[in-house]
Structure formats: structure tokens, C-alpha cells
Amino acid sequence: MRVAIIGTGYVGLVSGACFADFGHTVTCVDKDAGKIEKLKDGVMPIYEPGLDALVASNVKEERLFFTTDAREAIKDADAVFIAVGTPSRRGDGHADLSYVYGAAEEIAGLMDGFTVVVTKSTVPVGTGDEVEEIIRKARPEAEFAVVSNPEFLREGAAIKDFKIPDRVVVGTEDARAREVMKELYRPLFLNETPILFTSRRTSELIKYAANAFLAVKITFINEMADLCEKVGANVQEVSRGIGLDGRIGAKFLNAGPGYGGSCFPKDTLALTKTANDYGSPVRIVDTVIDVNAARKKAMADKVIAAMGGDVTGKTIGVLGLAFKQNTDDMRDAPSLDILPALQAAGARVVAYDPEAMKEAAHLLKNIEFAGSAYAAVDGADAMVIITEWDQFRALDMGRIKTAMKGNVVVDLRNIYSPEDMAKRGFAYTSIGRP
């Protein structure tokens, strides 16, 4: 089939490359000419493991194309995916749908013949109705169907998530659109992937409900970690003890400095705004948002306490800046709260991240960036682990001890063993462990 993807951000680029790898002919469209030229040269705008190779192979096989000219891409397409950004709107927290509506207007003017218009962007309930109205108003005679097809991609594992998903959700009640979507995802039928067909509004809500529930799990175990510290319990054992219950499951029960990234912060906020607008507040999610925001701010206090309550003039080596491993995404990363608070308390901060330093440099002021984990802690009074990159999991602690001026280690991801770190002579603090 012929597919057009509007937007070459995280979702659009991954989806386009994977659909092309399924054998479809895909054209990714973006108004940013510089980004398109870089993509044509094989330069990825984001860090996602395996994406550069996947793009290169499908470009070589002439299944994947990039352009700033939407005309031919949309005109020839069986399906046009809207994969533009929906950031939180300033002032009220609602999802900013201006890019979605702009894409809908452009599609309306260019589509030819029956076209399935698919909202891949994360959008509030009812957005599909508005997209349909925009297109219908512009082209009353057009043959088209608007479908909701939310993404469930984890940054750092997006290709696997697209090709071997837990499920595919398609929101449509149009028979022709259903057949088009089944053909697009036909390769997944071979793996017996559950493909759930629902109404459009149900599909839109599934996306928000899924992310909100995962945010609840993360926030729950973080609060349990705080309780563990008070009562002398071990949060990792608590997580395993409850996660082995099939009704709960083990995923998203790792205590840490709070959630961030491109999805959970804005999606939980958008869900609560939608719920309040409809007079059906989701109070659990409201609380999760508040607790998570407070937790990220509290992590700086944890570091300061581990350093004796005063960090004035002290040097802190920070390992990890991105909100999670295997991504350069800095959106709502805990580091954006932790590092400025440490600086405000008088500390000098030297940081290292394998992928996110370029982006972090735009967001963090007066931070010194190092070329390696060992360089970041050279002469430091304390080492703080914020992101759980694999390369931080087996550091040469003898080398770390020699390089550091002090011996304080604050592990906000529970990578290391308290007993082992104590034997090595570190004053070690972790999350939710005695």
C-alpha cells in the first residue's frame, strides 16, 4: 500500500520506517527542510537504537522517501497518518491541537479518491470528530474516513514495540477504512498480534488511559519507596513481591526519581483536563501529577542530605540526564529539576550522558559537561546517578573511588548493592532501601 506520514518526529519517523519495512511504500512529509535533507543523508533527528539502520535499508530499497512537498505523497496515498506534535498548551494544560488541525486542512486540499486519514498523534477524545469536520467542510464531496490509531511506543525500544506490539488499537466504524487498516497491519496477523477494533472515541481514550495507568504504577512504587525508607524495608523486594501477582505485574514497578519524557507528563495532564471538562474528574491521576512533580524536586534534597546538609562549594558528578536510558529525550526529565536545585544550593555540577548532553545544553545553564562517566566524577565530592544507562551498571568502582575527592554516592536508580558499596568505602544512598 501507499502511505503518507505527516510529521517526522519520534512517532512519525519510527512508524514510517517500520511500515516501509513491512513492504509498504511510505513517504514521510515535514515542513522542516533542514530535517528532511538530513534524513535523506541518513542523519537521524532523534536517538533511537536501530532506527538509522532501518531507515537506511528502506531508503536503499526505495520503499521509504522524505519530502517537504506533501502534494504527491497525499494524492497517491491509501492512508495518510497525522503524526505531528501535540504539546501541552500553555496556561491550561490542554493538548495543543493546532498542528493536527493544520495537517487535516492540508490533507483535505490534496487527497484524491477514497483516503483513510489516521490520527497517530496522541489526541484528546473527540479530536477525530473535529478532524473529520475540518476535512468535510473543506471538501464536502470527498470520499474519506478518519481513523484513530494510537501509538504505544517506548522510547529506546520503539522498533520492537512497533513490530512486535502487545496490541494494535484501531478506532473506526467505517468498513472500507477497517479493511485498509487490516492490510496495513497484515504482517502482524502472522504473529497473532491482537488487533482491537473500537469506536474512534474509545480508541482515543485507550491511549490516555494506558499512559495514565502506567504513571499511577510508577508513582505508587515511588511512594512505597519513601515508606520503605521510614520502616526499614526494601522497595526492590516489595516490587518483586507484588509484581509476581499476575493481577499487578512486574513492569513499571522500579522506584526512581519520578517519571518524565514525551508522553506521561503531557498525557496525564491532558486526561485530567478532558475529564474535568466533561464533569468526570479523575482524582487519582490528579494526585499522581502532583506527587510526581514534588518527587522530582525532592530528589535534590535527598542528595543534599546525603552530603551532610550543605553542598556549598562542593562538586557533584552527575551520571545521566535523559529521562530514561536509550534516548536523548530531555522533556520533563528529573534532571531538569534536580540539577538547578543543587546549583541553587551552591554546588558545582559536572554531568555526563551518552546521548542527551547536546539537548541538555539548551535546557540547563552553567552545567559543565564531561566526556565520560569517569571524567564527570574526577575530583567530585559526590556522584549522583540519575539515568539507568547500561554503561553505568558496571562501573569500575575502584577507579571511581580513586578519581573522586569525596566518597558520597547517591543512586537514584538502585543500580548498585548497598552492601557492596559499603564494603568499597562509599557513603551510599539509594531509593527505598535500608
Protein backbone atom coordinates (compact mmCIF):
# COMPACT_ATOMS: atom_id res chain seq x y z
CA MET A 1 0.00 0.00 0.00
CA ARG A 2 0.99 3.64 -0.37
CA VAL A 3 1.30 5.54 2.89
CA ALA A 4 1.97 9.19 3.70
CA ILE A 5 3.19 10.23 7.12
CA ILE A 6 2.74 13.88 8.10
CA GLY A 7 5.45 14.73 10.61
CA THR A 8 8.91 13.20 11.05
CA GLY A 9 9.16 13.43 14.80
CA TYR A 10 9.58 10.41 17.02
CA VAL A 11 6.28 8.71 16.20
CA GLY A 12 6.16 9.65 12.53
CA LEU A 13 9.71 8.59 11.73
CA VAL A 14 9.55 5.28 13.59
CA SER A 15 6.12 4.46 12.15
CA GLY A 16 7.18 5.37 8.62
CA ALA A 17 10.35 3.28 8.76
CA CYS A 18 8.52 0.28 10.20
CA PHE A 19 5.64 0.43 7.71
CA ALA A 20 8.23 0.58 4.93
CA ASP A 21 9.96 -2.44 6.42
CA PHE A 22 6.61 -4.25 6.25
CA GLY A 23 6.78 -3.72 2.48
CA HIS A 24 4.58 -0.66 2.05
CA THR A 25 5.70 2.40 0.09
CA VAL A 26 5.99 5.24 2.58
CA THR A 27 6.62 8.95 2.12
CA CYS A 28 7.37 10.99 5.24
CA VAL A 29 6.50 14.67 4.94
CA ASP A 30 7.81 17.53 7.06
CA LYS A 31 7.87 21.30 6.63
CA ASP A 32 11.36 21.50 8.13
CA ALA A 33 13.57 21.42 5.02
CA GLY A 34 16.73 21.05 7.06
CA LYS A 35 15.42 17.96 8.81
CA ILE A 36 14.32 16.40 5.52
CA GLU A 37 17.74 16.98 3.94
CA LYS A 38 19.45 15.38 6.92
CA LEU A 39 17.11 12.40 6.74
CA LYS A 40 17.93 11.98 3.08
CA ASP A 41 21.60 11.95 4.10
CA GLY A 42 20.92 9.33 6.78
CA VAL A 43 21.18 11.71 9.74
CA MET A 44 18.55 10.96 12.37
CA PRO A 45 16.91 13.86 14.27
CA ILE A 46 16.49 11.65 17.35
CA TYR A 47 18.42 8.88 19.06
CA GLU A 48 16.60 5.56 18.87
CA PRO A 49 18.56 2.29 18.79
CA GLY A 50 18.45 0.68 15.34
CA LEU A 51 16.49 3.47 13.66
CA ASP A 52 19.32 4.74 11.47
CA ALA A 53 19.96 1.28 10.01
CA LEU A 54 16.23 0.65 9.46
CA VAL A 55 15.81 3.97 7.65
CA ALA A 56 18.92 3.40 5.54
CA SER A 57 17.87 -0.07 4.39
CA ASN A 58 14.38 1.00 3.37
CA VAL A 59 15.60 4.12 1.59
CA LYS A 60 18.03 1.91 -0.32
CA GLU A 61 15.21 -0.48 -1.25
CA GLU A 62 13.13 2.52 -2.41
CA ARG A 63 10.29 1.91 -0.01
CA LEU A 64 10.91 4.96 2.19
CA PHE A 65 11.05 8.56 0.96
CA PHE A 66 11.34 12.00 2.57
CA THR A 67 9.97 15.28 1.22
CA THR A 68 8.75 18.74 2.12
CA ASP A 69 6.17 18.59 -0.71
CA ALA A 70 3.03 16.87 0.54
CA ARG A 71 1.19 17.08 -2.78
CA GLU A 72 2.19 13.82 -4.47
CA ALA A 73 2.58 11.93 -1.19
CA ILE A 74 -1.02 12.62 -0.15
CA LYS A 75 -2.55 12.45 -3.61
CA ASP A 76 -1.34 8.89 -4.18
CA ALA A 77 -1.81 7.59 -0.63
CA ASP A 78 -4.24 4.91 0.52
CA ALA A 79 -3.69 6.10 4.07
CA VAL A 80 -2.37 9.40 5.43
CA PHE A 81 -1.09 9.37 9.01
CA ILE A 82 -1.12 12.53 11.09
CA ALA A 83 1.92 12.20 13.37
CA VAL A 84 2.57 15.79 14.42
CA GLY A 85 3.25 17.06 17.92
CA THR A 86 0.51 17.71 20.49
CA PRO A 87 2.38 19.51 23.29
CA SER A 88 0.64 20.77 26.41
CA ARG A 89 -0.86 24.16 25.76
CA ARG A 90 0.47 26.97 27.90
CA GLY A 91 -1.92 28.23 30.52
CA ASP A 92 -4.49 25.46 30.71
CA GLY A 93 -2.67 22.15 30.14
CA HIS A 94 -4.86 21.05 27.23
CA ALA A 95 -3.17 19.35 24.29
CA ASP A 96 -2.26 21.88 21.61
CA LEU A 97 -4.01 20.54 18.51
CA SER A 98 -3.05 23.33 16.12
CA TYR A 99 -0.60 21.10 14.22
CA VAL A 100 -3.20 18.34 13.94
CA TYR A 101 -5.81 20.72 12.57
CA GLY A 102 -3.28 22.25 10.19
CA ALA A 103 -2.41 18.79 8.87
CA ALA A 104 -6.11 18.00 8.41
CA GLU A 105 -6.61 21.14 6.33
CA GLU A 106 -3.61 20.29 4.16
CA ILE A 107 -4.78 16.72 3.63
CA ALA A 108 -8.26 17.92 2.68
CA GLY A 109 -6.87 20.01 -0.13
CA LEU A 110 -4.61 17.32 -1.58
CA MET A 111 -6.24 13.91 -1.20
CA ASP A 112 -7.61 12.20 -4.28
CA GLY A 113 -10.06 9.27 -4.17
CA PHE A 114 -11.01 7.33 -1.07
CA THR A 115 -8.42 8.10 1.60
CA VAL A 116 -8.07 6.88 5.15
CA VAL A 117 -6.88 9.72 7.39
CA VAL A 118 -5.31 8.29 10.52
CA THR A 119 -4.59 10.22 13.71
CA LYS A 120 -1.41 8.67 15.07
CA SER A 121 -0.70 11.68 17.27
CA THR A 122 -1.90 11.42 20.85
CA VAL A 123 -5.10 13.46 20.90
CA PRO A 124 -7.97 14.05 23.35
CA VAL A 125 -11.30 12.30 22.98
CA GLY A 126 -13.34 13.82 20.18
CA THR A 127 -10.39 15.07 18.12
CA GLY A 128 -11.21 12.62 15.32
CA ASP A 129 -14.65 14.19 15.07
CA GLU A 130 -13.07 17.61 14.68
CA VAL A 131 -10.60 16.38 12.06
CA GLU A 132 -13.49 14.86 10.11
CA GLU A 133 -15.42 18.12 10.32
CA ILE A 134 -12.42 20.13 9.06
CA ILE A 135 -11.98 17.86 6.05
CA ARG A 136 -15.71 17.63 5.33
CA LYS A 137 -16.07 21.41 5.45
CA ALA A 138 -13.17 21.88 3.04
CA ARG A 139 -14.15 19.02 0.70
CA PRO A 140 -17.86 18.15 1.03
CA GLU A 141 -17.64 15.78 -1.94
CA ALA A 142 -14.54 13.89 -0.79
CA GLU A 143 -14.50 10.18 -0.02
CA PHE A 144 -12.57 9.59 3.17
CA ALA A 145 -12.67 8.12 6.65
CA VAL A 146 -10.95 9.42 9.79
CA VAL A 147 -9.45 6.69 11.95
CA SER A 148 -7.79 6.71 15.38
CA ASN A 149 -4.68 4.52 15.65
CA PRO A 150 -2.76 5.47 18.80
CA GLU A 151 0.90 4.59 19.23
CA PHE A 152 2.28 2.65 22.19
CA LEU A 153 5.99 3.06 21.53
CA ARG A 154 8.55 3.12 24.33
CA GLU A 155 11.50 5.36 23.65
CA GLY A 156 14.55 3.14 23.43
CA ALA A 157 12.53 0.12 22.28
CA ALA A 158 10.28 1.70 19.65
CA ILE A 159 11.11 -0.53 16.69
CA LYS A 160 10.45 -3.69 18.65
CA ASP A 161 7.25 -2.19 20.04
CA PHE A 162 6.01 -1.39 16.53
CA LYS A 163 6.92 -4.75 15.03
CA ILE A 164 6.06 -6.96 18.00
CA PRO A 165 3.37 -4.96 19.82
CA ASP A 166 1.23 -6.05 22.73
CA ARG A 167 -1.74 -4.89 20.66
CA VAL A 168 -2.80 -2.60 17.85
CA VAL A 169 -5.81 -0.36 18.51
CA VAL A 170 -7.86 0.95 15.58
CA GLY A 171 -10.81 3.26 16.12
CA THR A 172 -13.23 3.22 13.19
CA GLU A 173 -16.73 2.12 12.27
CA ASP A 174 -16.16 2.51 8.53
CA ALA A 175 -15.95 -0.85 6.73
CA ARG A 176 -13.63 0.36 3.98
CA ALA A 177 -11.27 2.01 6.46
CA ARG A 178 -11.20 -1.16 8.52
CA GLU A 179 -10.03 -3.17 5.50
CA VAL A 180 -7.31 -0.63 4.72
CA MET A 181 -6.03 -0.76 8.30
CA LYS A 182 -6.09 -4.55 8.31
CA GLU A 183 -4.00 -4.58 5.14
CA LEU A 184 -1.51 -2.09 6.60
CA TYR A 185 -1.01 -4.23 9.67
CA ARG A 186 -1.37 -7.58 7.89
CA PRO A 187 2.25 -8.62 8.68
CA LEU A 188 1.33 -8.57 12.38
CA PHE A 189 -1.50 -11.05 11.83
CA LEU A 190 1.19 -13.64 11.14
CA ASN A 191 2.41 -13.15 14.70
CA GLU A 192 -1.17 -13.33 16.02
CA THR A 193 -0.91 -9.80 17.37
CA PRO A 194 -4.21 -8.75 18.98
CA ILE A 195 -5.77 -6.06 16.80
CA LEU A 196 -8.59 -4.33 18.62
CA PHE A 197 -11.19 -2.51 16.53
CA THR A 198 -13.23 0.00 18.52
CA SER A 199 -15.16 3.21 18.02
CA ARG A 200 -12.98 6.24 17.33
CA ARG A 201 -13.60 7.90 20.69
CA THR A 202 -12.88 4.68 22.56
CA SER A 203 -9.57 4.34 20.75
CA GLU A 204 -8.61 7.92 21.64
CA LEU A 205 -9.36 7.30 25.31
CA ILE A 206 -7.45 3.98 25.41
CA LYS A 207 -4.19 5.81 24.73
CA TYR A 208 -4.63 8.28 27.57
CA ALA A 209 -5.95 5.65 29.96
CA ALA A 210 -2.95 3.37 29.29
CA ASN A 211 -0.37 6.07 29.93
CA ALA A 212 -2.20 7.34 33.00
CA PHE A 213 -2.32 3.85 34.50
CA LEU A 214 1.41 3.33 33.95
CA ALA A 215 2.10 6.72 35.55
CA VAL A 216 0.00 5.59 38.52
CA LYS A 217 2.12 2.42 38.89
CA ILE A 218 5.37 4.39 38.80
CA THR A 219 4.13 6.92 41.33
CA PHE A 220 2.73 4.22 43.59
CA ILE A 221 6.04 2.36 43.87
CA ASN A 222 7.88 5.65 44.40
CA GLU A 223 5.66 6.39 47.39
CA MET A 224 6.21 2.84 48.63
CA ALA A 225 9.94 3.53 48.37
CA ASP A 226 9.55 6.51 50.68
CA LEU A 227 7.65 4.34 53.13
CA CYS A 228 10.32 1.63 52.89
CA GLU A 229 12.96 4.14 53.92
CA LYS A 230 10.92 5.05 57.00
CA VAL A 231 10.20 1.50 58.16
CA GLY A 232 13.46 -0.19 57.11
CA ALA A 233 12.05 -2.27 54.26
CA ASN A 234 13.49 -2.88 50.77
CA VAL A 235 11.45 -1.47 47.90
CA GLN A 236 13.03 -3.80 45.34
CA GLU A 237 11.78 -6.80 47.32
CA VAL A 238 8.40 -5.14 47.76
CA SER A 239 8.24 -4.61 43.98
CA ARG A 240 9.07 -8.24 43.31
CA GLY A 241 6.64 -9.43 45.96
CA ILE A 242 3.69 -7.57 44.47
CA GLY A 243 4.81 -7.83 40.85
CA LEU A 244 4.66 -11.63 40.94
CA ASP A 245 0.92 -11.26 41.41
CA GLY A 246 -0.47 -11.75 37.92
CA ARG A 247 -3.15 -9.14 38.57
CA ILE A 248 -0.47 -6.50 39.16
CA GLY A 249 2.52 -7.48 37.01
CA ALA A 250 6.17 -6.55 37.45
CA LYS A 251 6.54 -3.84 34.81
CA PHE A 252 6.76 -0.16 35.79
CA LEU A 253 7.45 -1.02 39.43
CA ASN A 254 11.03 0.24 39.59
CA ALA A 255 11.39 3.05 42.09
CA GLY A 256 13.23 6.14 40.90
CA PRO A 257 13.31 9.94 40.74
CA GLY A 258 9.92 10.32 39.03
CA TYR A 259 8.60 9.90 35.51
CA GLY A 260 9.32 12.26 32.62
CA GLY A 261 9.54 12.08 28.84
CA SER A 262 7.32 12.98 25.94
CA CYS A 263 4.20 11.06 26.97
CA PHE A 264 3.36 10.62 30.64
CA PRO A 265 3.60 14.26 31.79
CA LYS A 266 1.54 15.77 28.98
CA ASP A 267 -0.86 12.84 28.59
CA THR A 268 -1.80 12.66 32.27
CA LEU A 269 -2.35 16.41 32.27
CA ALA A 270 -4.45 16.29 29.10
CA LEU A 271 -6.55 13.44 30.51
CA THR A 272 -7.36 15.34 33.69
CA LYS A 273 -8.30 18.44 31.69
CA THR A 274 -10.58 16.43 29.43
CA ALA A 275 -12.14 14.67 32.42
CA ASN A 276 -12.81 17.97 34.18
CA ASP A 277 -14.30 19.46 31.02
CA TYR A 278 -16.77 16.58 30.90
CA GLY A 279 -17.56 16.83 34.61
CA SER A 280 -15.99 13.46 35.44
CA PRO A 281 -12.72 14.21 37.25
CA VAL A 282 -10.04 11.51 37.55
CA ARG A 283 -8.80 12.33 41.04
CA ILE A 284 -6.24 9.53 41.16
CA VAL A 285 -4.48 10.95 38.12
CA ASP A 286 -4.69 14.49 39.53
CA THR A 287 -2.85 13.26 42.61
CA VAL A 288 -0.28 11.34 40.57
CA ILE A 289 0.63 14.53 38.67
CA ASP A 290 1.15 16.47 41.91
CA VAL A 291 3.09 13.69 43.64
CA ASN A 292 5.40 13.15 40.67
CA ALA A 293 6.20 16.86 40.39
CA ALA A 294 7.01 17.02 44.10
CA ARG A 295 9.14 13.89 43.91
CA LYS A 296 11.46 15.26 41.24
CA LYS A 297 12.04 18.37 43.33
CA ALA A 298 12.63 16.28 46.47
CA MET A 299 15.49 14.35 44.85
CA ALA A 300 17.79 17.36 45.17
CA ASP A 301 17.05 17.45 48.91
CA LYS A 302 17.97 13.76 49.07
CA VAL A 303 21.35 14.49 47.52
CA ILE A 304 21.97 17.44 49.81
CA ALA A 305 21.05 15.37 52.88
CA ALA A 306 23.45 12.60 51.79
CA MET A 307 26.20 15.25 51.64
CA GLY A 308 25.64 16.36 55.21
CA GLY A 309 23.04 19.02 54.55
CA ASP A 310 25.28 21.55 52.84
CA VAL A 311 26.64 21.47 49.28
CA THR A 312 28.06 24.97 49.17
CA GLY A 313 31.27 24.92 47.17
CA LYS A 314 31.01 21.15 46.64
CA THR A 315 31.42 19.44 43.25
CA ILE A 316 28.80 16.86 42.24
CA GLY A 317 29.40 14.48 39.36
CA VAL A 318 26.11 13.55 37.70
CA LEU A 319 25.66 10.43 35.56
CA GLY A 320 22.65 10.59 33.25
CA LEU A 321 20.50 13.49 32.10
CA ALA A 322 17.83 11.98 29.80
CA PHE A 323 14.55 10.96 31.41
CA LYS A 324 15.42 7.28 30.80
CA GLN A 325 18.10 5.19 29.14
CA ASN A 326 18.43 4.63 25.38
CA THR A 327 17.07 8.05 24.44
CA ASP A 328 18.26 11.64 24.17
CA ASP A 329 14.84 12.94 25.23
CA MET A 330 15.08 15.62 27.92
CA ARG A 331 11.40 16.50 28.08
CA ASP A 332 10.34 16.73 31.75
CA ALA A 333 13.44 14.77 32.76
CA PRO A 334 14.03 14.66 36.54
CA SER A 335 17.49 16.14 35.93
CA LEU A 336 15.82 19.41 34.91
CA ASP A 337 14.57 19.78 38.49
CA ILE A 338 17.47 18.18 40.34
CA LEU A 339 20.47 19.95 38.83
CA PRO A 340 19.21 23.56 39.07
CA ALA A 341 18.22 22.93 42.70
CA LEU A 342 21.72 21.65 43.50
CA GLN A 343 23.22 24.69 41.81
CA ALA A 344 20.88 27.00 43.74
CA ALA A 345 22.14 25.35 46.92
CA GLY A 346 25.70 26.30 45.97
CA ALA A 347 27.02 23.17 44.24
CA ARG A 348 29.14 22.92 41.11
CA VAL A 349 27.66 20.31 38.76
CA VAL A 350 29.62 18.26 36.22
CA ALA A 351 27.45 15.93 34.15
CA TYR A 352 27.76 13.15 31.60
CA ASP A 353 25.12 11.42 29.46
CA PRO A 354 25.91 9.17 26.46
CA GLU A 355 23.32 10.82 24.20
CA ALA A 356 21.47 13.71 25.82
CA MET A 357 24.16 16.33 26.50
CA LYS A 358 23.54 18.25 23.28
CA GLU A 359 19.86 18.66 24.11
CA ALA A 360 20.59 19.26 27.79
CA ALA A 361 22.89 22.14 26.92
CA HIS A 362 19.84 24.07 25.68
CA LEU A 363 17.91 23.45 28.88
CA LEU A 364 20.43 23.54 31.71
CA LYS A 365 22.53 26.61 32.48
CA ASN A 366 26.08 26.70 33.83
CA ILE A 367 26.44 22.92 33.80
CA GLU A 368 29.84 21.53 32.93
CA PHE A 369 29.70 18.53 30.61
CA ALA A 370 32.25 15.73 30.75
CA GLY A 371 33.40 13.28 28.09
CA SER A 372 32.82 10.14 30.17
CA ALA A 373 31.41 8.90 33.45
CA TYR A 374 34.89 8.83 34.98
CA ALA A 375 35.65 12.37 33.84
CA ALA A 376 32.38 13.57 35.39
CA VAL A 377 33.36 12.35 38.87
CA ASP A 378 37.03 13.35 38.71
CA GLY A 379 37.62 15.41 41.85
CA ALA A 380 33.95 15.29 42.83
CA ASP A 381 32.69 15.31 46.38
CA ALA A 382 29.73 13.15 45.37
CA MET A 383 28.47 11.05 42.46
CA VAL A 384 24.77 11.04 41.61
CA ILE A 385 23.21 8.51 39.22
CA ILE A 386 20.03 9.88 37.63
CA THR A 387 19.59 7.78 34.47
CA GLU A 388 19.96 3.99 34.29
CA TRP A 389 22.18 3.70 31.19
CA ASP A 390 23.66 0.22 30.80
CA GLN A 391 27.18 1.63 30.79
CA PHE A 392 26.63 2.92 34.32
CA ARG A 393 25.69 -0.53 35.66
CA ALA A 394 29.20 -1.97 35.84
CA LEU A 395 31.48 0.98 36.50
CA ASP A 396 34.96 0.30 37.83
CA MET A 397 34.27 1.39 41.37
CA GLY A 398 37.94 1.24 42.30
CA ARG A 399 38.63 3.77 39.57
CA ILE A 400 35.65 5.86 40.68
CA LYS A 401 36.88 5.86 44.29
CA THR A 402 40.35 6.96 43.22
CA ALA A 403 39.01 9.70 40.94
CA MET A 404 36.61 11.19 43.49
CA LYS A 405 37.61 13.65 46.16
CA GLY A 406 34.77 12.52 48.44
CA ASN A 407 33.01 9.18 48.88
CA VAL A 408 29.30 10.05 48.66
CA VAL A 409 27.27 8.14 46.05
CA VAL A 410 23.55 8.82 45.56
CA ASP A 411 21.98 6.17 43.33
CA LEU A 412 18.53 7.31 42.22
CA ARG A 413 18.04 4.16 40.09
CA ASN A 414 19.12 1.46 42.58
CA ILE A 415 21.75 0.12 40.19
CA TYR A 416 24.24 -0.92 42.86
CA SER A 417 24.13 -3.02 46.01
CA PRO A 418 24.22 -1.09 49.31
CA GLU A 419 26.27 -3.86 50.94
CA ASP A 420 28.86 -3.91 48.15
CA MET A 421 29.15 -0.14 48.06
CA ALA A 422 29.66 -0.03 51.84
CA LYS A 423 32.44 -2.61 51.59
CA ARG A 424 34.14 -0.41 48.99
CA GLY A 425 34.11 2.51 51.40
CA PHE A 426 31.36 4.62 49.83
CA ALA A 427 28.75 6.54 51.78
CA TYR A 428 25.95 5.15 49.64
CA THR A 429 22.33 6.32 49.43
CA SER A 430 19.69 4.72 47.20
CA ILE A 431 15.92 4.73 46.77
CA GLY A 432 13.73 2.83 49.24
CA ARG A 433 16.44 0.52 50.58
CA PRO A 434 17.93 0.35 54.10
